[in-house]
Amino acid sequence: MSENNGDGSELIEFYASEALTCPRRIYFRLKGYPERWPEFVKVRLNQGINTHNVLGEILKRRFGFELEKHLVLRSNKLGLEIHGRIDAVRDFPIEIKGKTSLPRTPYDYHLAQLNVYMRWAEAEYGYLYYIRLHEEPMKVINKIDFSNFPVVKGPNFRAFEVPYDKALFKETLRHFYQVKRAYEKERAPRGWRSFSCKFCPYRYLCFPDDE
């Protein structure tokens, strides 16, 4: 959750995957509340893990990428640090997202997460790979055309080349710092109350009457 800053103050630990996500969800994670994933989300999470593993091995074996690279970005001034695991990285990072439906454009919080990875890797660009979830990932992956890698194409697959965005990184730091301030005051920030709530492991805290 936190570690010493060297001056007696705490460095609050955030995750790159939390970049620009619901501040209330991050707050509950920092406070140590137990996660309660809906059953349908657990199924998607397992499919996502399998998809990451299979596609990641291809990136490693065929293109020499390092998988699950751990990173830490630290700001002593703001009293926080960002931890993350890059799905695949070489000269640039690749983030893989398994989805039940593919977006026309990348989600803002996925762009912010990838942007953190680009900041750490000092890369000018990175890639977001959206792939449709399937019980047997190879049925989707076998149809992907890697001939113009890293711009790859295929049915049930969408790739986006994304440039590094300095302003977005600053916005991400501000977002985390605001959650840090709420955590220090022990005052839960306002939640998003959006479609994403039904996927949240802390839904039971925001909507106790639904339990």
C-alpha atoms as a PDB file:
ATOM      1  CA  MET A   1       0.000   0.000   0.000  1.00  0.00           C
ATOM      2  CA  SER A   2       2.755   2.447   0.929  1.00  0.00           C
ATOM      3  CA  GLU A   3       6.412   2.805   1.831  1.00  0.00           C
ATOM      4  CA  ASN A   4       8.613   5.418   3.469  1.00  0.00           C
ATOM      5  CA  ASN A   5       9.592   8.469   1.418  1.00  0.00           C
ATOM      6  CA  GLY A   6      12.907   8.947   3.190  1.00  0.00           C
ATOM      7  CA  ASP A   7      11.688  12.033   5.028  1.00  0.00           C
ATOM      8  CA  GLY A   8       9.266  10.181   7.299  1.00  0.00           C
ATOM      9  CA  SER A   9       6.263  10.603   5.004  1.00  0.00           C
ATOM     10  CA  GLU A  10       4.530   7.788   3.141  1.00  0.00           C
ATOM     11  CA  LEU A  11       4.688   7.045  -0.568  1.00  0.00           C
ATOM     12  CA  ILE A  12       1.241   5.823  -1.574  1.00  0.00           C
ATOM     13  CA  GLU A  13       1.333   2.967  -4.087  1.00  0.00           C
ATOM     14  CA  PHE A  14      -0.897   3.113  -7.145  1.00  0.00           C
ATOM     15  CA  TYR A  15      -1.164   0.768 -10.108  1.00  0.00           C
ATOM     16  CA  ALA A  16      -0.778   1.779 -13.743  1.00  0.00           C
ATOM     17  CA  SER A  17      -3.986  -0.144 -14.476  1.00  0.00           C
ATOM     18  CA  GLU A  18      -5.802   2.331 -12.185  1.00  0.00           C
ATOM     19  CA  ALA A  19      -4.847   5.341 -14.329  1.00  0.00           C
ATOM     20  CA  LEU A  20      -7.910   7.563 -14.802  1.00  0.00           C
ATOM     21  CA  THR A  21     -10.250   4.926 -13.362  1.00  0.00           C
ATOM     22  CA  CYS A  22     -12.955   5.518 -10.740  1.00  0.00           C
ATOM     23  CA  PRO A  23     -11.281   7.259  -7.755  1.00  0.00           C
ATOM     24  CA  ARG A  24     -13.641   5.602  -5.287  1.00  0.00           C
ATOM     25  CA  ARG A  25     -12.582   2.154  -6.475  1.00  0.00           C
ATOM     26  CA  ILE A  26      -8.901   3.057  -6.015  1.00  0.00           C
ATOM     27  CA  TYR A  27      -9.674   4.450  -2.556  1.00  0.00           C
ATOM     28  CA  PHE A  28     -11.354   1.211  -1.434  1.00  0.00           C
ATOM     29  CA  ARG A  29      -8.362  -0.800  -2.685  1.00  0.00           C
ATOM     30  CA  LEU A  30      -5.976   1.450  -0.714  1.00  0.00           C
ATOM     31  CA  LYS A  31      -8.138   1.022   2.391  1.00  0.00           C
ATOM     32  CA  GLY A  32      -7.821  -2.756   2.105  1.00  0.00           C
ATOM     33  CA  TYR A  33     -11.460  -3.658   1.556  1.00  0.00           C
ATOM     34  CA  PRO A  34     -11.859  -7.212   0.201  1.00  0.00           C
ATOM     35  CA  GLU A  35     -12.646  -7.632  -3.479  1.00  0.00           C
ATOM     36  CA  ARG A  36     -15.918  -9.314  -4.388  1.00  0.00           C
ATOM     37  CA  TRP A  37     -15.868  -9.980  -8.126  1.00  0.00           C
ATOM     38  CA  PRO A  38     -19.215 -10.776  -9.777  1.00  0.00           C
ATOM     39  CA  GLU A  39     -19.245 -14.326 -11.143  1.00  0.00           C
ATOM     40  CA  PHE A  40     -19.593 -13.236 -14.766  1.00  0.00           C
ATOM     41  CA  VAL A  41     -16.545 -11.002 -14.347  1.00  0.00           C
ATOM     42  CA  LYS A  42     -14.505 -13.925 -12.973  1.00  0.00           C
ATOM     43  CA  VAL A  43     -15.200 -15.846 -16.192  1.00  0.00           C
ATOM     44  CA  ARG A  44     -13.987 -12.897 -18.278  1.00  0.00           C
ATOM     45  CA  LEU A  45     -10.909 -12.462 -16.111  1.00  0.00           C
ATOM     46  CA  ASN A  46      -9.915 -16.105 -16.613  1.00  0.00           C
ATOM     47  CA  GLN A  47     -10.441 -15.841 -20.371  1.00  0.00           C
ATOM     48  CA  GLY A  48      -8.395 -12.634 -20.359  1.00  0.00           C
ATOM     49  CA  ILE A  49      -5.499 -14.320 -18.551  1.00  0.00           C
ATOM     50  CA  ASN A  50      -5.487 -17.175 -21.068  1.00  0.00           C
ATOM     51  CA  THR A  51      -5.572 -14.729 -23.988  1.00  0.00           C
ATOM     52  CA  HIS A  52      -2.693 -12.692 -22.536  1.00  0.00           C
ATOM     53  CA  ASN A  53      -0.613 -15.812 -22.025  1.00  0.00           C
ATOM     54  CA  VAL A  54      -1.104 -17.187 -25.547  1.00  0.00           C
ATOM     55  CA  LEU A  55      -0.631 -13.897 -27.413  1.00  0.00           C
ATOM     56  CA  GLY A  56       2.238 -12.926 -25.122  1.00  0.00           C
ATOM     57  CA  GLU A  57       4.133 -16.101 -25.951  1.00  0.00           C
ATOM     58  CA  ILE A  58       3.853 -15.298 -29.659  1.00  0.00           C
ATOM     59  CA  LEU A  59       5.227 -11.801 -29.074  1.00  0.00           C
ATOM     60  CA  LYS A  60       8.088 -13.259 -27.052  1.00  0.00           C
ATOM     61  CA  ARG A  61       8.953 -16.145 -29.361  1.00  0.00           C
ATOM     62  CA  ARG A  62       8.518 -14.445 -32.740  1.00  0.00           C
ATOM     63  CA  PHE A  63       9.434 -10.850 -31.988  1.00  0.00           C
ATOM     64  CA  GLY A  64      11.727 -10.959 -28.948  1.00  0.00           C
ATOM     65  CA  PHE A  65       9.516  -9.095 -26.486  1.00  0.00           C
ATOM     66  CA  GLU A  66       9.935  -9.313 -22.719  1.00  0.00           C
ATOM     67  CA  LEU A  67       6.707 -10.225 -20.943  1.00  0.00           C
ATOM     68  CA  GLU A  68       5.241  -8.926 -17.678  1.00  0.00           C
ATOM     69  CA  LYS A  69       8.020  -6.386 -17.128  1.00  0.00           C
ATOM     70  CA  HIS A  70       7.629  -4.806 -13.697  1.00  0.00           C
ATOM     71  CA  LEU A  71       8.022  -1.043 -13.456  1.00  0.00           C
ATOM     72  CA  VAL A  72       7.985   1.620 -10.761  1.00  0.00           C
ATOM     73  CA  LEU A  73       7.647   5.357 -11.354  1.00  0.00           C
ATOM     74  CA  ARG A  74       8.175   7.401  -8.217  1.00  0.00           C
ATOM     75  CA  SER A  75       7.316  11.028  -7.383  1.00  0.00           C
ATOM     76  CA  ASN A  76       8.743  12.014  -4.009  1.00  0.00           C
ATOM     77  CA  LYS A  77       7.292  15.487  -4.503  1.00  0.00           C
ATOM     78  CA  LEU A  78       3.733  14.158  -4.757  1.00  0.00           C
ATOM     79  CA  GLY A  79       4.355  11.344  -2.289  1.00  0.00           C
ATOM     80  CA  LEU A  80       3.272   8.558  -4.592  1.00  0.00           C
ATOM     81  CA  GLU A  81       4.593   5.841  -6.831  1.00  0.00           C
ATOM     82  CA  ILE A  82       3.065   3.951  -9.741  1.00  0.00           C
ATOM     83  CA  HIS A  83       3.635   0.226 -10.154  1.00  0.00           C
ATOM     84  CA  GLY A  84       2.810  -1.763 -13.242  1.00  0.00           C
ATOM     85  CA  ARG A  85       3.480  -4.844 -15.326  1.00  0.00           C
ATOM     86  CA  ILE A  86       3.823  -4.248 -19.042  1.00  0.00           C
ATOM     87  CA  ASP A  87       2.260  -7.079 -21.036  1.00  0.00           C
ATOM     88  CA  ALA A  88       5.072  -6.966 -23.606  1.00  0.00           C
ATOM     89  CA  VAL A  89       7.957  -4.548 -24.126  1.00  0.00           C
ATOM     90  CA  ARG A  90      10.987  -4.242 -26.384  1.00  0.00           C
ATOM     91  CA  ASP A  91      11.671  -0.842 -27.941  1.00  0.00           C
ATOM     92  CA  PHE A  92       8.062   0.065 -27.162  1.00  0.00           C
ATOM     93  CA  PRO A  93       5.307  -1.335 -24.927  1.00  0.00           C
ATOM     94  CA  ILE A  94       2.293  -3.365 -26.005  1.00  0.00           C
ATOM     95  CA  GLU A  95      -0.793  -3.607 -23.810  1.00  0.00           C
ATOM     96  CA  ILE A  96      -3.243  -6.454 -24.505  1.00  0.00           C
ATOM     97  CA  LYS A  97      -6.913  -6.043 -23.625  1.00  0.00           C
ATOM     98  CA  GLY A  98      -9.348  -8.931 -23.879  1.00  0.00           C
ATOM     99  CA  LYS A  99     -12.912  -7.674 -24.435  1.00  0.00           C
ATOM    100  CA  THR A 100     -16.294  -9.219 -25.141  1.00  0.00           C
ATOM    101  CA  SER A 101     -16.769  -6.499 -27.772  1.00  0.00           C
ATOM    102  CA  LEU A 102     -14.086  -4.417 -29.489  1.00  0.00           C
ATOM    103  CA  PRO A 103     -14.145  -0.605 -29.170  1.00  0.00           C
ATOM    104  CA  ARG A 104     -13.970   1.650 -32.230  1.00  0.00           C
ATOM    105  CA  THR A 105     -11.441   3.820 -30.413  1.00  0.00           C
ATOM    106  CA  PRO A 106      -9.309   3.096 -27.313  1.00  0.00           C
ATOM    107  CA  TYR A 107     -10.766   3.713 -23.874  1.00  0.00           C
ATOM    108  CA  ASP A 108      -9.324   6.776 -22.125  1.00  0.00           C
ATOM    109  CA  TYR A 109      -8.104   4.803 -19.109  1.00  0.00           C
ATOM    110  CA  HIS A 110      -6.386   2.258 -21.347  1.00  0.00           C
ATOM    111  CA  LEU A 111      -4.599   5.111 -23.116  1.00  0.00           C
ATOM    112  CA  ALA A 112      -3.555   6.486 -19.717  1.00  0.00           C
ATOM    113  CA  GLN A 113      -2.239   3.078 -18.615  1.00  0.00           C
ATOM    114  CA  LEU A 114      -0.234   2.598 -21.806  1.00  0.00           C
ATOM    115  CA  ASN A 115       1.011   6.171 -21.477  1.00  0.00           C
ATOM    116  CA  VAL A 116       2.494   5.330 -18.065  1.00  0.00           C
ATOM    117  CA  TYR A 117       4.339   2.430 -19.677  1.00  0.00           C
ATOM    118  CA  MET A 118       5.657   4.670 -22.450  1.00  0.00           C
ATOM    119  CA  ARG A 119       6.865   7.165 -19.848  1.00  0.00           C
ATOM    120  CA  TRP A 120       8.772   4.437 -18.020  1.00  0.00           C
ATOM    121  CA  ALA A 121      10.201   2.929 -21.235  1.00  0.00           C
ATOM    122  CA  GLU A 122      11.015   6.386 -22.642  1.00  0.00           C
ATOM    123  CA  ALA A 123       9.184   5.279 -25.793  1.00  0.00           C
ATOM    124  CA  GLU A 124       7.695   7.688 -28.307  1.00  0.00           C
ATOM    125  CA  TYR A 125       4.809   5.359 -29.058  1.00  0.00           C
ATOM    126  CA  GLY A 126       3.161   2.138 -27.937  1.00  0.00           C
ATOM    127  CA  TYR A 127       0.381  -0.200 -29.015  1.00  0.00           C
ATOM    128  CA  LEU A 128      -2.998  -1.191 -27.641  1.00  0.00           C
ATOM    129  CA  TYR A 129      -4.175  -4.599 -28.820  1.00  0.00           C
ATOM    130  CA  TYR A 130      -7.862  -5.337 -28.298  1.00  0.00           C
ATOM    131  CA  ILE A 131      -8.806  -8.968 -28.811  1.00  0.00           C
ATOM    132  CA  ARG A 132     -12.199 -10.586 -28.422  1.00  0.00           C
ATOM    133  CA  LEU A 133     -12.397 -13.004 -25.509  1.00  0.00           C
ATOM    134  CA  HIS A 134     -12.896 -16.665 -26.319  1.00  0.00           C
ATOM    135  CA  GLU A 135     -12.796 -19.915 -24.354  1.00  0.00           C
ATOM    136  CA  GLU A 136     -10.131 -21.080 -26.823  1.00  0.00           C
ATOM    137  CA  PRO A 137      -7.939 -18.010 -27.556  1.00  0.00           C
ATOM    138  CA  MET A 138      -6.052 -19.700 -30.404  1.00  0.00           C
ATOM    139  CA  LYS A 139      -9.239 -19.744 -32.488  1.00  0.00           C
ATOM    140  CA  VAL A 140      -9.007 -15.942 -32.551  1.00  0.00           C
ATOM    141  CA  ILE A 141      -5.211 -15.593 -32.542  1.00  0.00           C
ATOM    142  CA  ASN A 142      -4.706 -18.039 -35.444  1.00  0.00           C
ATOM    143  CA  LYS A 143      -6.554 -15.597 -37.711  1.00  0.00           C
ATOM    144  CA  ILE A 144      -4.337 -12.605 -36.864  1.00  0.00           C
ATOM    145  CA  ASP A 145      -2.042 -11.351 -39.618  1.00  0.00           C
ATOM    146  CA  PHE A 146       1.386 -10.490 -38.140  1.00  0.00           C
ATOM    147  CA  SER A 147       3.046  -9.717 -41.499  1.00  0.00           C
ATOM    148  CA  ASN A 148       3.117  -5.944 -40.850  1.00  0.00           C
ATOM    149  CA  PHE A 149       3.955  -6.227 -37.149  1.00  0.00           C
ATOM    150  CA  PRO A 150       3.484  -4.295 -34.923  1.00  0.00           C
ATOM    151  CA  VAL A 151       0.475  -3.061 -36.951  1.00  0.00           C
ATOM    152  CA  VAL A 152      -1.353  -6.391 -36.901  1.00  0.00           C
ATOM    153  CA  LYS A 153      -4.848  -7.122 -38.170  1.00  0.00           C
ATOM    154  CA  GLY A 154      -7.510  -9.781 -38.017  1.00  0.00           C
ATOM    155  CA  PRO A 155     -11.163 -10.518 -37.331  1.00  0.00           C
ATOM    156  CA  ASN A 156     -12.070 -10.045 -33.669  1.00  0.00           C
ATOM    157  CA  PHE A 157      -8.878  -8.033 -33.233  1.00  0.00           C
ATOM    158  CA  ARG A 158      -8.069  -4.331 -33.290  1.00  0.00           C
ATOM    159  CA  ALA A 159      -4.680  -2.606 -32.917  1.00  0.00           C
ATOM    160  CA  PHE A 160      -4.003   1.066 -32.185  1.00  0.00           C
ATOM    161  CA  GLU A 161      -0.665   2.860 -32.438  1.00  0.00           C
ATOM    162  CA  VAL A 162      -0.540   5.482 -29.690  1.00  0.00           C
ATOM    163  CA  PRO A 163       1.983   8.337 -29.301  1.00  0.00           C
ATOM    164  CA  TYR A 164       3.294   9.353 -25.889  1.00  0.00           C
ATOM    165  CA  ASP A 165       1.241  12.189 -24.376  1.00  0.00           C
ATOM    166  CA  LYS A 166       2.992  14.338 -21.763  1.00  0.00           C
ATOM    167  CA  ALA A 167      -0.221  16.178 -20.849  1.00  0.00           C
ATOM    168  CA  LEU A 168      -2.017  12.868 -20.266  1.00  0.00           C
ATOM    169  CA  PHE A 169       0.745  11.725 -17.919  1.00  0.00           C
ATOM    170  CA  LYS A 170       0.382  14.923 -15.885  1.00  0.00           C
ATOM    171  CA  GLU A 171      -3.381  14.385 -15.772  1.00  0.00           C
ATOM    172  CA  THR A 172      -2.795  10.837 -14.507  1.00  0.00           C
ATOM    173  CA  LEU A 173      -0.512  12.137 -11.741  1.00  0.00           C
ATOM    174  CA  ARG A 174      -3.156  14.693 -10.725  1.00  0.00           C
ATOM    175  CA  HIS A 175      -5.785  11.964 -10.617  1.00  0.00           C
ATOM    176  CA  PHE A 176      -3.666   9.767  -8.343  1.00  0.00           C
ATOM    177  CA  TYR A 177      -2.711  12.715  -6.151  1.00  0.00           C
ATOM    178  CA  GLN A 178      -6.386  13.602  -5.591  1.00  0.00           C
ATOM    179  CA  VAL A 179      -7.079  10.017  -4.513  1.00  0.00           C
ATOM    180  CA  LYS A 180      -4.034  10.177  -2.240  1.00  0.00           C
ATOM    181  CA  ARG A 181      -5.429  13.300  -0.569  1.00  0.00           C
ATOM    182  CA  ALA A 182      -8.803  11.604  -0.062  1.00  0.00           C
ATOM    183  CA  TYR A 183      -7.055   8.552   1.401  1.00  0.00           C
ATOM    184  CA  GLU A 184      -5.081  10.691   3.848  1.00  0.00           C
ATOM    185  CA  LYS A 185      -8.283  12.439   4.959  1.00  0.00           C
ATOM    186  CA  GLU A 186     -10.074   9.060   5.167  1.00  0.00           C
ATOM    187  CA  ARG A 187     -12.868  10.492   3.071  1.00  0.00           C
ATOM    188  CA  ALA A 188     -14.023   8.383   0.144  1.00  0.00           C
ATOM    189  CA  PRO A 189     -14.141  10.392  -3.100  1.00  0.00           C
ATOM    190  CA  ARG A 190     -17.241  10.454  -5.250  1.00  0.00           C
ATOM    191  CA  GLY A 191     -17.566   7.458  -7.550  1.00  0.00           C
ATOM    192  CA  TRP A 192     -18.311   7.444 -11.250  1.00  0.00           C
ATOM    193  CA  ARG A 193     -21.710   5.701 -10.975  1.00  0.00           C
ATOM    194  CA  SER A 194     -21.463   4.536 -14.567  1.00  0.00           C
ATOM    195  CA  PHE A 195     -21.836   1.311 -16.575  1.00  0.00           C
ATOM    196  CA  SER A 196     -18.452   0.212 -15.190  1.00  0.00           C
ATOM    197  CA  CYS A 197     -19.936  -0.158 -11.691  1.00  0.00           C
ATOM    198  CA  LYS A 198     -21.402  -3.566 -12.531  1.00  0.00           C
ATOM    199  CA  PHE A 199     -17.874  -4.870 -13.170  1.00  0.00           C
ATOM    200  CA  CYS A 200     -16.384  -3.443  -9.957  1.00  0.00           C
ATOM    201  CA  PRO A 201     -15.193  -5.682  -7.088  1.00  0.00           C
ATOM    202  CA  TYR A 202     -16.242  -2.955  -4.630  1.00  0.00           C
ATOM    203  CA  ARG A 203     -19.780  -2.509  -5.930  1.00  0.00           C
ATOM    204  CA  TYR A 204     -21.105  -3.921  -2.670  1.00  0.00           C
ATOM    205  CA  LEU A 205     -19.736  -0.880  -0.813  1.00  0.00           C
ATOM    206  CA  CYS A 206     -21.386   1.690  -3.098  1.00  0.00           C
ATOM    207  CA  PHE A 207     -24.646  -0.216  -3.602  1.00  0.00           C
ATOM    208  CA  PRO A 208     -25.237  -2.226  -0.397  1.00  0.00           C
ATOM    209  CA  ASP A 209     -28.980  -2.438  -1.082  1.00  0.00           C
ATOM    210  CA  ASP A 210     -28.242  -4.520  -4.191  1.00  0.00           C
ATOM    211  CA  GLU A 211     -26.570  -7.237  -2.143  1.00  0.00           C
END
